[in-house]
């Protein structure tokens, strides 16, 4: 069962949490955690905010194609793109 958190619940997550950047990306994009863990910097266009989803992490050190058969591109919202840019 999928749980969707409210904006208030997300706001309660401390920014000092080690997983906060990942959680913020997941919250604002709707990516699966395996897709987010499969991202590399080559998949991210910081100028446009586009993210190309071409692999997913299935276990430590092993990657596979995403569940969606076609390679897809998601557009990040401004705050997630800004977060990635700050990490670059």
C-alpha atoms as a PDB file:
ATOM      1  CA  UNK A   1       0.000   0.000   0.000  1.00  0.00           C
ATOM      2  CA  UNK A   2       1.331   3.407  -0.952  1.00  0.00           C
ATOM      3  CA  UNK A   3       1.337   6.169   1.647  1.00  0.00           C
ATOM      4  CA  UNK A   4       1.193   9.787   0.561  1.00  0.00           C
ATOM      5  CA  UNK A   5       2.444  12.310   3.065  1.00  0.00           C
ATOM      6  CA  UNK A   6       0.933  15.737   3.492  1.00  0.00           C
ATOM      7  CA  UNK A   7       2.851  19.002   3.047  1.00  0.00           C
ATOM      8  CA  UNK A   8       2.726  19.408   6.823  1.00  0.00           C
ATOM      9  CA  UNK A   9       4.274  15.973   7.379  1.00  0.00           C
ATOM     10  CA  UNK A  10       7.033  16.720   4.877  1.00  0.00           C
ATOM     11  CA  UNK A  11       7.711  20.103   6.508  1.00  0.00           C
ATOM     12  CA  UNK A  12       8.221  18.278   9.819  1.00  0.00           C
ATOM     13  CA  UNK A  13      11.254  16.396   8.443  1.00  0.00           C
ATOM     14  CA  UNK A  14      14.369  18.163   9.736  1.00  0.00           C
ATOM     15  CA  UNK A  15      16.650  19.491   6.995  1.00  0.00           C
ATOM     16  CA  UNK A  16      19.574  18.112   9.010  1.00  0.00           C
ATOM     17  CA  UNK A  17      18.319  14.560   8.322  1.00  0.00           C
ATOM     18  CA  UNK A  18      20.939  12.723   6.247  1.00  0.00           C
ATOM     19  CA  UNK A  19      18.214  11.569   3.828  1.00  0.00           C
ATOM     20  CA  UNK A  20      16.533  14.977   3.457  1.00  0.00           C
ATOM     21  CA  UNK A  21      17.876  15.723  -0.076  1.00  0.00           C
ATOM     22  CA  UNK A  22      16.686  12.314  -1.332  1.00  0.00           C
ATOM     23  CA  UNK A  23      13.335  12.654   0.433  1.00  0.00           C
ATOM     24  CA  UNK A  24      12.838  16.124  -1.051  1.00  0.00           C
ATOM     25  CA  UNK A  25      13.476  14.837  -4.576  1.00  0.00           C
ATOM     26  CA  UNK A  26      11.106  11.904  -4.039  1.00  0.00           C
ATOM     27  CA  UNK A  27       8.411  14.138  -2.554  1.00  0.00           C
ATOM     28  CA  UNK A  28       8.510  16.742  -5.326  1.00  0.00           C
ATOM     29  CA  UNK A  29       8.913  14.420  -8.326  1.00  0.00           C
ATOM     30  CA  UNK A  30       7.033  11.229  -7.488  1.00  0.00           C
ATOM     31  CA  UNK A  31      10.006   9.079  -8.511  1.00  0.00           C
ATOM     32  CA  UNK A  32      10.246   5.563  -7.141  1.00  0.00           C
ATOM     33  CA  UNK A  33      13.059   5.245  -4.605  1.00  0.00           C
ATOM     34  CA  UNK A  34      14.811   2.705  -6.866  1.00  0.00           C
ATOM     35  CA  UNK A  35      14.702   5.227  -9.757  1.00  0.00           C
ATOM     36  CA  UNK A  36      16.099   8.030  -7.600  1.00  0.00           C
ATOM     37  CA  UNK A  37      18.909   5.754  -6.386  1.00  0.00           C
ATOM     38  CA  UNK A  38      19.725   4.904 -10.014  1.00  0.00           C
ATOM     39  CA  UNK A  39      20.321   8.532 -11.000  1.00  0.00           C
ATOM     40  CA  UNK A  40      23.751   9.800 -11.987  1.00  0.00           C
ATOM     41  CA  UNK A  41      24.793  13.383 -12.725  1.00  0.00           C
ATOM     42  CA  UNK A  42      24.686  12.508 -16.443  1.00  0.00           C
ATOM     43  CA  UNK A  43      20.907  12.004 -16.070  1.00  0.00           C
ATOM     44  CA  UNK A  44      20.303  15.524 -14.754  1.00  0.00           C
ATOM     45  CA  UNK A  45      20.168  18.760 -16.749  1.00  0.00           C
ATOM     46  CA  UNK A  46      20.578  21.490 -14.133  1.00  0.00           C
ATOM     47  CA  UNK A  47      19.760  24.256 -16.619  1.00  0.00           C
ATOM     48  CA  UNK A  48      16.333  22.929 -17.632  1.00  0.00           C
ATOM     49  CA  UNK A  49      15.527  20.821 -14.572  1.00  0.00           C
ATOM     50  CA  UNK A  50      14.952  17.727 -16.737  1.00  0.00           C
ATOM     51  CA  UNK A  51      15.821  14.321 -15.354  1.00  0.00           C
ATOM     52  CA  UNK A  52      16.219  11.287 -17.592  1.00  0.00           C
ATOM     53  CA  UNK A  53      15.178   8.054 -15.887  1.00  0.00           C
ATOM     54  CA  UNK A  54      17.092   5.242 -17.582  1.00  0.00           C
ATOM     55  CA  UNK A  55      17.994   2.855 -14.747  1.00  0.00           C
ATOM     56  CA  UNK A  56      16.909   1.805 -11.299  1.00  0.00           C
ATOM     57  CA  UNK A  57      18.903   0.336  -8.456  1.00  0.00           C
ATOM     58  CA  UNK A  58      17.758  -3.193  -7.634  1.00  0.00           C
ATOM     59  CA  UNK A  59      20.370  -3.964  -4.957  1.00  0.00           C
ATOM     60  CA  UNK A  60      23.786  -2.702  -3.906  1.00  0.00           C
ATOM     61  CA  UNK A  61      25.911  -2.418  -7.045  1.00  0.00           C
ATOM     62  CA  UNK A  62      23.226  -3.779  -9.401  1.00  0.00           C
ATOM     63  CA  UNK A  63      21.064  -1.734 -11.740  1.00  0.00           C
ATOM     64  CA  UNK A  64      18.289  -2.567 -14.199  1.00  0.00           C
ATOM     65  CA  UNK A  65      15.983  -0.696 -16.572  1.00  0.00           C
ATOM     66  CA  UNK A  66      12.992   1.026 -14.943  1.00  0.00           C
ATOM     67  CA  UNK A  67       9.615  -0.679 -14.618  1.00  0.00           C
ATOM     68  CA  UNK A  68       8.300   1.582 -17.371  1.00  0.00           C
ATOM     69  CA  UNK A  69       9.417   0.029 -20.650  1.00  0.00           C
ATOM     70  CA  UNK A  70      10.035   3.324 -22.447  1.00  0.00           C
ATOM     71  CA  UNK A  71      12.795   5.638 -21.300  1.00  0.00           C
ATOM     72  CA  UNK A  72      11.000   8.597 -19.817  1.00  0.00           C
ATOM     73  CA  UNK A  73      11.964  12.097 -18.757  1.00  0.00           C
ATOM     74  CA  UNK A  74      10.487  13.807 -15.721  1.00  0.00           C
ATOM     75  CA  UNK A  75      10.673  17.524 -15.109  1.00  0.00           C
ATOM     76  CA  UNK A  76      11.761  18.584 -11.652  1.00  0.00           C
ATOM     77  CA  UNK A  77      10.051  21.429  -9.899  1.00  0.00           C
ATOM     78  CA  UNK A  78      12.215  24.449  -9.143  1.00  0.00           C
ATOM     79  CA  UNK A  79      12.965  23.577  -5.527  1.00  0.00           C
ATOM     80  CA  UNK A  80      14.225  20.073  -6.359  1.00  0.00           C
ATOM     81  CA  UNK A  81      16.322  21.400  -9.273  1.00  0.00           C
ATOM     82  CA  UNK A  82      17.755  24.041  -6.935  1.00  0.00           C
ATOM     83  CA  UNK A  83      18.612  21.354  -4.405  1.00  0.00           C
ATOM     84  CA  UNK A  84      20.447  19.291  -7.033  1.00  0.00           C
ATOM     85  CA  UNK A  85      22.271  22.370  -8.290  1.00  0.00           C
ATOM     86  CA  UNK A  86      23.456  23.115  -4.735  1.00  0.00           C
ATOM     87  CA  UNK A  87      24.834  19.551  -4.481  1.00  0.00           C
ATOM     88  CA  UNK A  88      26.713  19.742  -7.808  1.00  0.00           C
END
